[in-house]
Amino acid sequence: MRNNATFAYAIILVLGDFLALVAAFTVAYILRVKVDPRPVIEQIPALDYITTFLIVLPLWVLVHGFIGLYSPGVYERRFSEIGRLFVGSFMGILVVIGYDFITAGNLFPARLVPVYGLILGFSFLLLFRITARIMRRLLYRFDIGISNVVIVGDTKASEDLAATIGDTRTSGFKILAIVGPGTNRIKSYTTFNDAIKHLRSPIHA
């Protein structure tokens, strides 16, 4: 059920993931280079380090897209999302390390930076995703980001679906009507064409 709301949320996830990763690798640099007194492999200025990562990290975000982290079928399921974030973090750091391997010079000033980046990256991504989920549900209470749906079918599965997504404040779906046997609180129509005709009328606009 893709609409403007799900598309906008996916865009927010893309931007949020990118910023979370930038923050994670910035903190990783600070922890190893600025806080840790041990010498580093190569002195890489902070500005050069961040600039390079702004170029590389979109590849990590592309990995997230490849494994479905911006698909409603994944981010709507909490445990599935966490599992994919874990996998995506390992795949992403491998992409970054591979980029470092094929380019001239060192991307990391010390070996611990990618380790810190991996741990912090997953942690920041998870924290952002949890925060985004909470904020999204808060917006549902103000009818922001709601997806209107019409349920078609006269089977038990249709009734179960209506019961599952009936609470708009948690599901983000607003049931406009059911094509088939309805309930006391949901309008019902005998055919899909009748439902569309009535729902498109000015009274329902």
N, C-alpha and C. Protein backbone atom coordinates (compact mmCIF):
# COMPACT_ATOMS: atom_id res chain seq x y z
N MET A 1 0.84 -1.18 0.00
CA MET A 1 0.00 0.00 0.00
C MET A 1 0.88 1.24 0.00
N ARG A 2 1.50 1.55 -1.10
CA ARG A 2 2.39 2.70 -1.18
C ARG A 2 1.57 3.96 -1.46
N ASN A 3 1.89 5.03 -0.75
CA ASN A 3 1.29 6.32 -1.01
C ASN A 3 2.31 7.39 -0.64
N ASN A 4 1.86 8.65 -0.64
CA ASN A 4 2.79 9.73 -0.34
C ASN A 4 3.37 9.62 1.05
N ALA A 5 2.57 9.12 2.01
CA ALA A 5 3.03 9.01 3.39
C ALA A 5 4.16 7.99 3.51
N THR A 6 4.00 6.82 2.90
CA THR A 6 5.04 5.80 2.99
C THR A 6 6.29 6.22 2.22
N PHE A 7 6.10 6.93 1.11
CA PHE A 7 7.25 7.42 0.35
C PHE A 7 8.03 8.46 1.16
N ALA A 8 7.29 9.38 1.80
CA ALA A 8 7.94 10.41 2.61
C ALA A 8 8.68 9.78 3.78
N TYR A 9 8.10 8.76 4.39
CA TYR A 9 8.76 8.10 5.52
C TYR A 9 10.03 7.39 5.06
N ALA A 10 9.99 6.78 3.88
CA ALA A 10 11.18 6.12 3.34
C ALA A 10 12.29 7.14 3.09
N ILE A 11 11.95 8.31 2.59
CA ILE A 11 12.94 9.37 2.36
C ILE A 11 13.55 9.81 3.69
N ILE A 12 12.72 9.94 4.71
CA ILE A 12 13.22 10.31 6.04
C ILE A 12 14.18 9.25 6.56
N LEU A 13 13.86 7.99 6.33
CA LEU A 13 14.75 6.91 6.77
C LEU A 13 16.09 6.97 6.05
N VAL A 14 16.07 7.26 4.76
CA VAL A 14 17.31 7.37 3.99
C VAL A 14 18.19 8.48 4.56
N LEU A 15 17.60 9.66 4.74
CA LEU A 15 18.36 10.80 5.26
C LEU A 15 18.82 10.54 6.69
N GLY A 16 17.94 9.96 7.50
CA GLY A 16 18.29 9.68 8.89
C GLY A 16 19.40 8.65 9.01
N ASP A 17 19.35 7.61 8.19
CA ASP A 17 20.41 6.60 8.20
C ASP A 17 21.75 7.22 7.84
N PHE A 18 21.73 8.07 6.82
CA PHE A 18 22.98 8.72 6.38
C PHE A 18 23.56 9.58 7.49
N LEU A 19 22.72 10.40 8.13
CA LEU A 19 23.19 11.28 9.19
C LEU A 19 23.65 10.47 10.41
N ALA A 20 22.96 9.37 10.70
CA ALA A 20 23.37 8.52 11.82
C ALA A 20 24.75 7.93 11.57
N LEU A 21 25.01 7.53 10.34
CA LEU A 21 26.32 6.96 10.00
C LEU A 21 27.41 8.02 10.03
N VAL A 22 27.11 9.22 9.55
CA VAL A 22 28.08 10.31 9.63
C VAL A 22 28.43 10.60 11.09
N ALA A 23 27.41 10.65 11.94
CA ALA A 23 27.64 10.89 13.36
C ALA A 23 28.46 9.77 13.98
N ALA A 24 28.15 8.52 13.61
CA ALA A 24 28.86 7.37 14.18
C ALA A 24 30.34 7.40 13.84
N PHE A 25 30.68 7.66 12.58
CA PHE A 25 32.08 7.65 12.18
C PHE A 25 32.82 8.91 12.63
N THR A 26 32.08 9.99 12.87
CA THR A 26 32.69 11.18 13.46
C THR A 26 33.09 10.89 14.91
N VAL A 27 32.18 10.26 15.66
CA VAL A 27 32.49 9.90 17.04
C VAL A 27 33.61 8.86 17.09
N ALA A 28 33.60 7.92 16.14
CA ALA A 28 34.66 6.90 16.09
C ALA A 28 36.03 7.56 15.90
N TYR A 29 36.08 8.57 15.04
CA TYR A 29 37.34 9.31 14.81
C TYR A 29 37.78 10.02 16.08
N ILE A 30 36.84 10.68 16.74
CA ILE A 30 37.17 11.43 17.96
C ILE A 30 37.68 10.48 19.05
N LEU A 31 37.00 9.34 19.22
CA LEU A 31 37.40 8.41 20.26
C LEU A 31 38.81 7.88 20.06
N ARG A 32 39.15 7.54 18.81
CA ARG A 32 40.46 6.93 18.57
C ARG A 32 41.58 7.95 18.39
N VAL A 33 41.29 9.04 17.72
CA VAL A 33 42.34 10.00 17.38
C VAL A 33 42.52 11.07 18.45
N LYS A 34 41.42 11.56 18.99
CA LYS A 34 41.49 12.67 19.93
C LYS A 34 41.52 12.22 21.39
N VAL A 35 40.82 11.15 21.71
CA VAL A 35 40.72 10.70 23.10
C VAL A 35 41.80 9.68 23.44
N ASP A 36 41.96 8.69 22.56
CA ASP A 36 42.96 7.64 22.78
C ASP A 36 44.37 8.22 22.58
N PRO A 37 45.25 8.12 23.59
CA PRO A 37 46.58 8.72 23.48
C PRO A 37 47.56 7.93 22.61
N ARG A 38 47.21 6.71 22.21
CA ARG A 38 48.13 5.89 21.43
C ARG A 38 48.33 6.48 20.04
N PRO A 39 49.51 6.27 19.45
CA PRO A 39 49.78 6.82 18.10
C PRO A 39 48.89 6.17 17.05
N VAL A 40 48.66 6.88 15.96
CA VAL A 40 47.82 6.37 14.87
C VAL A 40 48.70 5.96 13.70
N ILE A 41 48.11 5.20 12.77
CA ILE A 41 48.84 4.74 11.60
C ILE A 41 49.23 5.91 10.70
N GLU A 42 48.30 6.81 10.50
CA GLU A 42 48.53 7.96 9.62
C GLU A 42 47.73 9.14 10.13
N GLN A 43 48.34 10.30 10.13
CA GLN A 43 47.65 11.51 10.55
C GLN A 43 46.73 11.99 9.43
N ILE A 44 45.45 11.78 9.63
CA ILE A 44 44.47 12.22 8.64
C ILE A 44 43.66 13.36 9.26
N PRO A 45 43.71 14.55 8.69
CA PRO A 45 42.95 15.69 9.24
C PRO A 45 41.46 15.36 9.31
N ALA A 46 40.81 15.87 10.34
CA ALA A 46 39.39 15.59 10.55
C ALA A 46 38.54 15.99 9.35
N LEU A 47 38.86 17.14 8.74
CA LEU A 47 38.07 17.61 7.60
C LEU A 47 38.21 16.66 6.42
N ASP A 48 39.42 16.20 6.14
CA ASP A 48 39.62 15.25 5.04
C ASP A 48 38.89 13.93 5.31
N TYR A 49 38.95 13.48 6.55
CA TYR A 49 38.28 12.24 6.95
C TYR A 49 36.78 12.34 6.73
N ILE A 50 36.17 13.41 7.24
CA ILE A 50 34.71 13.58 7.11
C ILE A 50 34.31 13.75 5.65
N THR A 51 35.10 14.53 4.90
CA THR A 51 34.78 14.74 3.49
C THR A 51 34.76 13.43 2.71
N THR A 52 35.75 12.58 2.98
CA THR A 52 35.80 11.28 2.32
C THR A 52 34.60 10.42 2.68
N PHE A 53 34.22 10.45 3.95
CA PHE A 53 33.09 9.63 4.38
C PHE A 53 31.76 10.14 3.82
N LEU A 54 31.66 11.42 3.59
CA LEU A 54 30.45 11.94 2.95
C LEU A 54 30.29 11.38 1.54
N ILE A 55 31.40 11.00 0.94
CA ILE A 55 31.37 10.40 -0.40
C ILE A 55 31.11 8.90 -0.33
N VAL A 56 31.69 8.24 0.69
CA VAL A 56 31.62 6.78 0.78
C VAL A 56 30.30 6.28 1.38
N LEU A 57 29.79 6.97 2.39
CA LEU A 57 28.65 6.46 3.13
C LEU A 57 27.36 6.29 2.31
N PRO A 58 27.15 7.07 1.23
CA PRO A 58 25.98 6.75 0.40
C PRO A 58 25.98 5.31 -0.12
N LEU A 59 27.17 4.71 -0.28
CA LEU A 59 27.23 3.31 -0.70
C LEU A 59 26.65 2.40 0.38
N TRP A 60 26.89 2.75 1.64
CA TRP A 60 26.32 2.01 2.76
C TRP A 60 24.80 2.11 2.73
N VAL A 61 24.30 3.32 2.46
CA VAL A 61 22.85 3.53 2.39
C VAL A 61 22.25 2.73 1.23
N LEU A 62 22.99 2.63 0.12
CA LEU A 62 22.53 1.82 -1.00
C LEU A 62 22.42 0.36 -0.60
N VAL A 63 23.34 -0.10 0.23
CA VAL A 63 23.25 -1.47 0.75
C VAL A 63 21.95 -1.64 1.53
N HIS A 64 21.60 -0.67 2.34
CA HIS A 64 20.34 -0.72 3.09
C HIS A 64 19.16 -0.84 2.14
N GLY A 65 19.20 -0.06 1.07
CA GLY A 65 18.11 -0.15 0.10
C GLY A 65 18.07 -1.50 -0.57
N PHE A 66 19.23 -2.06 -0.86
CA PHE A 66 19.31 -3.37 -1.54
C PHE A 66 18.70 -4.47 -0.68
N ILE A 67 18.88 -4.41 0.64
CA ILE A 67 18.34 -5.47 1.51
C ILE A 67 16.95 -5.13 2.05
N GLY A 68 16.34 -4.05 1.53
CA GLY A 68 14.94 -3.79 1.82
C GLY A 68 14.65 -2.95 3.05
N LEU A 69 15.63 -2.24 3.59
CA LEU A 69 15.39 -1.48 4.82
C LEU A 69 14.51 -0.25 4.61
N TYR A 70 14.22 0.11 3.37
CA TYR A 70 13.32 1.22 3.11
C TYR A 70 11.98 0.74 2.55
N SER A 71 11.74 -0.54 2.69
CA SER A 71 10.47 -1.14 2.25
C SER A 71 9.53 -1.28 3.45
N PRO A 72 8.25 -0.94 3.28
CA PRO A 72 7.29 -1.09 4.39
C PRO A 72 7.23 -2.52 4.92
N GLY A 73 7.46 -3.49 4.06
CA GLY A 73 7.43 -4.88 4.51
C GLY A 73 8.50 -5.20 5.52
N VAL A 74 9.54 -4.35 5.59
CA VAL A 74 10.63 -4.55 6.56
C VAL A 74 10.50 -3.59 7.73
N TYR A 75 10.41 -2.28 7.45
CA TYR A 75 10.43 -1.33 8.57
C TYR A 75 9.13 -1.33 9.38
N GLU A 76 8.07 -1.95 8.85
CA GLU A 76 6.86 -2.07 9.65
C GLU A 76 6.95 -3.22 10.64
N ARG A 77 7.94 -4.09 10.48
CA ARG A 77 8.13 -5.23 11.39
C ARG A 77 9.40 -5.00 12.18
N ARG A 78 9.24 -4.75 13.46
CA ARG A 78 10.35 -4.31 14.30
C ARG A 78 11.54 -5.26 14.30
N PHE A 79 11.28 -6.54 14.54
CA PHE A 79 12.39 -7.49 14.65
C PHE A 79 13.04 -7.76 13.29
N SER A 80 12.24 -7.74 12.24
CA SER A 80 12.80 -7.88 10.90
C SER A 80 13.71 -6.70 10.58
N GLU A 81 13.30 -5.50 10.99
CA GLU A 81 14.09 -4.30 10.75
C GLU A 81 15.41 -4.37 11.50
N ILE A 82 15.36 -4.79 12.77
CA ILE A 82 16.59 -4.88 13.57
C ILE A 82 17.56 -5.89 12.95
N GLY A 83 17.03 -7.05 12.53
CA GLY A 83 17.87 -8.07 11.91
C GLY A 83 18.54 -7.56 10.65
N ARG A 84 17.77 -6.85 9.83
CA ARG A 84 18.35 -6.32 8.59
C ARG A 84 19.35 -5.21 8.85
N LEU A 85 19.10 -4.42 9.89
CA LEU A 85 20.07 -3.39 10.26
C LEU A 85 21.40 -4.02 10.66
N PHE A 86 21.32 -5.14 11.37
CA PHE A 86 22.53 -5.84 11.80
C PHE A 86 23.30 -6.35 10.58
N VAL A 87 22.57 -6.97 9.65
CA VAL A 87 23.21 -7.46 8.43
C VAL A 87 23.73 -6.30 7.59
N GLY A 88 22.91 -5.25 7.47
CA GLY A 88 23.31 -4.10 6.67
C GLY A 88 24.55 -3.40 7.22
N SER A 89 24.70 -3.42 8.55
CA SER A 89 25.87 -2.79 9.16
C SER A 89 27.14 -3.53 8.78
N PHE A 90 27.10 -4.86 8.81
CA PHE A 90 28.28 -5.64 8.42
C PHE A 90 28.58 -5.49 6.93
N MET A 91 27.53 -5.52 6.12
CA MET A 91 27.75 -5.34 4.69
C MET A 91 28.26 -3.93 4.39
N GLY A 92 27.73 -2.96 5.09
CA GLY A 92 28.15 -1.58 4.87
C GLY A 92 29.60 -1.34 5.23
N ILE A 93 30.04 -1.87 6.37
CA ILE A 93 31.44 -1.66 6.76
C ILE A 93 32.39 -2.39 5.81
N LEU A 94 31.93 -3.52 5.25
CA LEU A 94 32.75 -4.21 4.26
C LEU A 94 32.89 -3.37 3.00
N VAL A 95 31.83 -2.67 2.62
CA VAL A 95 31.89 -1.78 1.46
C VAL A 95 32.88 -0.65 1.72
N VAL A 96 32.82 -0.08 2.91
CA VAL A 96 33.73 1.02 3.27
C VAL A 96 35.18 0.54 3.29
N ILE A 97 35.41 -0.63 3.88
CA ILE A 97 36.77 -1.18 3.92
C ILE A 97 37.26 -1.50 2.50
N GLY A 98 36.37 -2.02 1.67
CA GLY A 98 36.73 -2.29 0.28
C GLY A 98 37.09 -1.03 -0.46
N TYR A 99 36.36 0.04 -0.20
CA TYR A 99 36.68 1.34 -0.82
C TYR A 99 38.06 1.80 -0.38
N ASP A 100 38.35 1.62 0.90
CA ASP A 100 39.66 2.00 1.42
C ASP A 100 40.77 1.19 0.77
N PHE A 101 40.46 -0.07 0.48
CA PHE A 101 41.48 -0.97 -0.10
C PHE A 101 41.83 -0.59 -1.53
N ILE A 102 40.83 -0.18 -2.31
CA ILE A 102 41.06 0.06 -3.75
C ILE A 102 41.48 1.49 -4.05
N THR A 103 41.43 2.37 -3.05
CA THR A 103 41.83 3.76 -3.29
C THR A 103 43.21 4.03 -2.71
N ALA A 104 43.85 5.05 -3.22
CA ALA A 104 45.18 5.40 -2.74
C ALA A 104 45.09 6.05 -1.36
N GLY A 105 46.09 5.78 -0.54
CA GLY A 105 46.11 6.36 0.80
C GLY A 105 45.21 5.60 1.76
N ASN A 106 45.24 6.01 3.01
CA ASN A 106 44.43 5.38 4.05
C ASN A 106 43.17 6.19 4.31
N LEU A 107 42.07 5.49 4.42
CA LEU A 107 40.81 6.13 4.79
C LEU A 107 40.71 6.28 6.30
N PHE A 108 41.25 5.29 7.02
CA PHE A 108 41.18 5.29 8.47
C PHE A 108 42.54 5.66 9.07
N PRO A 109 42.53 6.54 10.06
CA PRO A 109 43.80 6.89 10.72
C PRO A 109 44.32 5.80 11.64
N ALA A 110 43.45 4.85 12.03
CA ALA A 110 43.85 3.74 12.90
C ALA A 110 42.89 2.57 12.67
N ARG A 111 43.35 1.36 12.98
CA ARG A 111 42.55 0.16 12.72
C ARG A 111 41.29 0.10 13.57
N LEU A 112 41.31 0.73 14.73
CA LEU A 112 40.14 0.68 15.60
C LEU A 112 38.99 1.56 15.11
N VAL A 113 39.27 2.50 14.22
CA VAL A 113 38.23 3.41 13.74
C VAL A 113 37.09 2.65 13.05
N PRO A 114 37.36 1.72 12.11
CA PRO A 114 36.24 0.98 11.52
C PRO A 114 35.52 0.09 12.51
N VAL A 115 36.24 -0.41 13.53
CA VAL A 115 35.59 -1.22 14.56
C VAL A 115 34.61 -0.37 15.36
N TYR A 116 35.11 0.79 15.81
CA TYR A 116 34.23 1.73 16.51
C TYR A 116 33.08 2.16 15.60
N GLY A 117 33.39 2.40 14.33
CA GLY A 117 32.37 2.84 13.39
C GLY A 117 31.27 1.81 13.21
N LEU A 118 31.66 0.53 13.16
CA LEU A 118 30.67 -0.54 13.02
C LEU A 118 29.75 -0.59 14.23
N ILE A 119 30.35 -0.58 15.42
CA ILE A 119 29.55 -0.67 16.65
C ILE A 119 28.66 0.55 16.82
N LEU A 120 29.26 1.73 16.66
CA LEU A 120 28.49 2.96 16.81
C LEU A 120 27.47 3.13 15.68
N GLY A 121 27.86 2.69 14.47
CA GLY A 121 26.95 2.81 13.33
C GLY A 121 25.67 2.02 13.57
N PHE A 122 25.81 0.76 13.99
CA PHE A 122 24.62 -0.05 14.26
C PHE A 122 23.81 0.56 15.40
N SER A 123 24.50 1.02 16.45
CA SER A 123 23.80 1.60 17.61
C SER A 123 23.05 2.87 17.24
N PHE A 124 23.69 3.75 16.48
CA PHE A 124 23.04 5.00 16.08
C PHE A 124 21.89 4.75 15.11
N LEU A 125 22.08 3.80 14.20
CA LEU A 125 21.01 3.46 13.26
C LEU A 125 19.80 2.91 14.00
N LEU A 126 20.06 2.03 14.95
CA LEU A 126 18.96 1.44 15.73
C LEU A 126 18.25 2.51 16.54
N LEU A 127 19.01 3.40 17.17
CA LEU A 127 18.40 4.48 17.95
C LEU A 127 17.57 5.39 17.07
N PHE A 128 18.08 5.71 15.89
CA PHE A 128 17.31 6.56 14.98
C PHE A 128 16.03 5.88 14.53
N ARG A 129 16.11 4.60 14.19
CA ARG A 129 14.92 3.88 13.71
C ARG A 129 13.85 3.80 14.81
N ILE A 130 14.28 3.58 16.05
CA ILE A 130 13.33 3.54 17.16
C ILE A 130 12.67 4.90 17.35
N THR A 131 13.48 5.96 17.29
CA THR A 131 12.95 7.32 17.44
C THR A 131 11.99 7.65 16.31
N ALA A 132 12.35 7.28 15.08
CA ALA A 132 11.48 7.54 13.93
C ALA A 132 10.15 6.82 14.07
N ARG A 133 10.19 5.59 14.56
CA ARG A 133 8.96 4.81 14.75
C ARG A 133 8.06 5.48 15.79
N ILE A 134 8.66 5.95 16.89
CA ILE A 134 7.88 6.61 17.94
C ILE A 134 7.27 7.91 17.43
N MET A 135 8.07 8.72 16.73
CA MET A 135 7.57 9.98 16.20
C MET A 135 6.48 9.76 15.17
N ARG A 136 6.62 8.72 14.38
CA ARG A 136 5.61 8.42 13.37
C ARG A 136 4.28 8.09 14.02
N ARG A 137 4.32 7.31 15.10
CA ARG A 137 3.08 6.95 15.79
C ARG A 137 2.47 8.15 16.51
N LEU A 138 3.30 9.06 16.98
CA LEU A 138 2.77 10.28 17.59
C LEU A 138 2.04 11.13 16.55
N LEU A 139 2.58 11.17 15.33
CA LEU A 139 1.93 11.94 14.26
C LEU A 139 0.61 11.32 13.85
N TYR A 140 0.49 9.99 13.98
CA TYR A 140 -0.78 9.34 13.67
C TYR A 140 -1.92 9.91 14.50
N ARG A 141 -1.62 10.31 15.72
CA ARG A 141 -2.65 10.84 16.61
C ARG A 141 -3.22 12.15 16.07
N PHE A 142 -2.47 12.83 15.19
CA PHE A 142 -2.93 14.08 14.60
C PHE A 142 -3.32 13.89 13.13
N ASP A 143 -3.56 12.61 12.76
CA ASP A 143 -3.95 12.26 11.39
C ASP A 143 -2.90 12.67 10.36
N ILE A 144 -1.64 12.68 10.75
CA ILE A 144 -0.54 12.98 9.82
C ILE A 144 0.14 11.68 9.43
N GLY A 145 0.27 11.47 8.11
CA GLY A 145 0.89 10.24 7.63
C GLY A 145 -0.04 9.05 7.58
N ILE A 146 -1.33 9.30 7.68
CA ILE A 146 -2.32 8.21 7.67
C ILE A 146 -2.56 7.73 6.24
N SER A 147 -2.70 6.42 6.08
CA SER A 147 -3.02 5.83 4.78
C SER A 147 -4.46 5.35 4.79
N ASN A 148 -5.26 5.85 3.84
CA ASN A 148 -6.66 5.42 3.73
C ASN A 148 -6.73 4.10 2.95
N VAL A 149 -7.52 3.15 3.44
CA VAL A 149 -7.62 1.85 2.78
C VAL A 149 -9.08 1.44 2.65
N VAL A 150 -9.33 0.63 1.64
CA VAL A 150 -10.62 -0.04 1.45
C VAL A 150 -10.35 -1.53 1.44
N ILE A 151 -11.00 -2.26 2.29
CA ILE A 151 -10.82 -3.71 2.38
C ILE A 151 -11.83 -4.40 1.49
N VAL A 152 -11.32 -5.26 0.62
CA VAL A 152 -12.19 -5.97 -0.32
C VAL A 152 -12.20 -7.45 0.03
N GLY A 153 -13.38 -8.01 0.22
CA GLY A 153 -13.49 -9.44 0.50
C GLY A 153 -14.53 -9.71 1.57
N ASP A 154 -15.14 -10.88 1.48
CA ASP A 154 -16.17 -11.25 2.46
C ASP A 154 -15.76 -12.51 3.23
N THR A 155 -14.45 -12.67 3.39
CA THR A 155 -13.95 -13.85 4.08
C THR A 155 -13.53 -13.49 5.50
N LYS A 156 -13.19 -14.51 6.27
CA LYS A 156 -12.72 -14.29 7.64
C LYS A 156 -11.41 -13.50 7.64
N ALA A 157 -10.61 -13.68 6.60
CA ALA A 157 -9.34 -12.96 6.51
C ALA A 157 -9.57 -11.45 6.46
N SER A 158 -10.63 -11.01 5.77
CA SER A 158 -10.94 -9.59 5.70
C SER A 158 -11.32 -9.05 7.07
N GLU A 159 -12.08 -9.82 7.82
CA GLU A 159 -12.46 -9.41 9.16
C GLU A 159 -11.24 -9.32 10.08
N ASP A 160 -10.35 -10.30 9.94
CA ASP A 160 -9.13 -10.29 10.75
C ASP A 160 -8.25 -9.09 10.41
N LEU A 161 -8.17 -8.77 9.11
CA LEU A 161 -7.38 -7.63 8.68
C LEU A 161 -7.95 -6.33 9.24
N ALA A 162 -9.27 -6.20 9.19
CA ALA A 162 -9.92 -5.00 9.72
C ALA A 162 -9.66 -4.86 11.22
N ALA A 163 -9.68 -5.98 11.92
CA ALA A 163 -9.43 -5.94 13.36
C ALA A 163 -7.97 -5.60 13.66
N THR A 164 -7.07 -6.07 12.80
CA THR A 164 -5.64 -5.85 13.03
C THR A 164 -5.24 -4.40 12.82
N ILE A 165 -5.75 -3.78 11.75
CA ILE A 165 -5.34 -2.41 11.44
C ILE A 165 -6.40 -1.39 11.82
N GLY A 166 -7.38 -1.81 12.59
CA GLY A 166 -8.50 -0.93 12.92
C GLY A 166 -8.11 0.25 13.79
N ASP A 167 -7.08 0.11 14.62
CA ASP A 167 -6.64 1.21 15.48
C ASP A 167 -5.68 2.10 14.71
N THR A 168 -6.19 3.19 14.16
CA THR A 168 -5.39 4.08 13.32
C THR A 168 -4.18 4.63 14.04
N ARG A 169 -4.29 4.88 15.35
CA ARG A 169 -3.20 5.51 16.10
C ARG A 169 -1.97 4.63 16.20
N THR A 170 -2.14 3.33 16.02
CA THR A 170 -0.98 2.43 16.07
C THR A 170 -0.62 1.85 14.71
N SER A 171 -1.63 1.63 13.86
CA SER A 171 -1.36 1.01 12.57
C SER A 171 -1.03 2.02 11.48
N GLY A 172 -1.56 3.25 11.59
CA GLY A 172 -1.36 4.24 10.54
C GLY A 172 -2.32 4.07 9.37
N PHE A 173 -3.26 3.14 9.48
CA PHE A 173 -4.24 2.91 8.42
C PHE A 173 -5.63 3.33 8.90
N LYS A 174 -6.36 4.00 8.02
CA LYS A 174 -7.74 4.38 8.30
C LYS A 174 -8.65 3.64 7.33
N ILE A 175 -9.47 2.76 7.87
CA ILE A 175 -10.37 1.96 7.02
C ILE A 175 -11.57 2.82 6.63
N LEU A 176 -11.68 3.12 5.35
CA LEU A 176 -12.79 3.93 4.85
C LEU A 176 -14.04 3.10 4.65
N ALA A 177 -13.85 1.87 4.20
CA ALA A 177 -15.02 1.02 3.92
C ALA A 177 -14.56 -0.42 3.71
N ILE A 178 -15.55 -1.31 3.71
CA ILE A 178 -15.32 -2.71 3.40
C ILE A 178 -16.24 -3.11 2.25
N VAL A 179 -15.69 -3.74 1.24
CA VAL A 179 -16.50 -4.29 0.16
C VAL A 179 -16.85 -5.71 0.56
N GLY A 180 -18.06 -5.87 1.04
CA GLY A 180 -18.50 -7.15 1.60
C GLY A 180 -19.25 -6.88 2.90
N PRO A 181 -19.49 -7.90 3.69
CA PRO A 181 -20.18 -7.70 4.96
C PRO A 181 -19.40 -6.74 5.86
N GLY A 182 -20.06 -5.70 6.33
CA GLY A 182 -19.40 -4.70 7.15
C GLY A 182 -19.62 -4.92 8.63
N THR A 183 -19.24 -3.92 9.39
CA THR A 183 -19.44 -3.93 10.83
C THR A 183 -20.24 -2.68 11.21
N ASN A 184 -20.59 -2.58 12.46
CA ASN A 184 -21.40 -1.44 12.90
C ASN A 184 -20.66 -0.11 12.75
N ARG A 185 -19.34 -0.15 12.82
CA ARG A 185 -18.59 1.11 12.80
C ARG A 185 -17.87 1.37 11.47
N ILE A 186 -17.94 0.43 10.51
CA ILE A 186 -17.28 0.61 9.22
C ILE A 186 -18.31 0.48 8.11
N LYS A 187 -18.34 1.45 7.20
CA LYS A 187 -19.28 1.39 6.09
C LYS A 187 -18.96 0.22 5.18
N SER A 188 -19.98 -0.36 4.62
CA SER A 188 -19.79 -1.50 3.71
C SER A 188 -20.54 -1.26 2.41
N TYR A 189 -20.00 -1.85 1.33
CA TYR A 189 -20.60 -1.74 0.02
C TYR A 189 -20.61 -3.12 -0.62
N THR A 190 -21.53 -3.32 -1.52
CA THR A 190 -21.66 -4.65 -2.13
C THR A 190 -20.63 -4.86 -3.24
N THR A 191 -20.24 -3.79 -3.92
CA THR A 191 -19.24 -3.91 -4.98
C THR A 191 -18.16 -2.85 -4.80
N PHE A 192 -17.02 -3.11 -5.42
CA PHE A 192 -15.90 -2.17 -5.33
C PHE A 192 -16.24 -0.87 -6.05
N ASN A 193 -16.96 -0.94 -7.18
CA ASN A 193 -17.33 0.26 -7.92
C ASN A 193 -18.24 1.16 -7.09
N ASP A 194 -19.17 0.55 -6.34
CA ASP A 194 -20.03 1.34 -5.46
C ASP A 194 -19.20 2.07 -4.39
N ALA A 195 -18.23 1.37 -3.85
CA ALA A 195 -17.39 1.96 -2.81
C ALA A 195 -16.63 3.16 -3.36
N ILE A 196 -16.01 2.99 -4.54
CA ILE A 196 -15.23 4.07 -5.13
C ILE A 196 -16.13 5.26 -5.47
N LYS A 197 -17.32 4.99 -6.00
CA LYS A 197 -18.23 6.08 -6.39
C LYS A 197 -18.64 6.90 -5.18
N HIS A 198 -18.99 6.22 -4.08
CA HIS A 198 -19.43 6.93 -2.89
C HIS A 198 -18.29 7.62 -2.18
N LEU A 199 -17.13 7.00 -2.14
CA LEU A 199 -15.99 7.59 -1.43
C LEU A 199 -15.40 8.78 -2.17
N ARG A 200 -15.62 8.81 -3.50
CA ARG A 200 -15.12 9.93 -4.27
C ARG A 200 -16.12 11.08 -4.34
N SER A 201 -17.30 10.92 -3.80
CA SER A 201 -18.30 11.96 -3.84
C SER A 201 -17.86 13.12 -2.97
N PRO A 202 -18.36 14.36 -3.22
CA PRO A 202 -17.92 15.53 -2.45
C PRO A 202 -18.11 15.38 -0.95
N ILE A 203 -19.13 14.62 -0.53
CA ILE A 203 -19.38 14.45 0.90
C ILE A 203 -18.21 13.78 1.57
N HIS A 204 -17.54 12.84 0.85
CA HIS A 204 -16.44 12.08 1.41
C HIS A 204 -15.08 12.68 1.07
N ALA A 205 -15.07 13.72 0.24
CA ALA A 205 -13.80 14.30 -0.20
C ALA A 205 -13.08 14.99 0.95
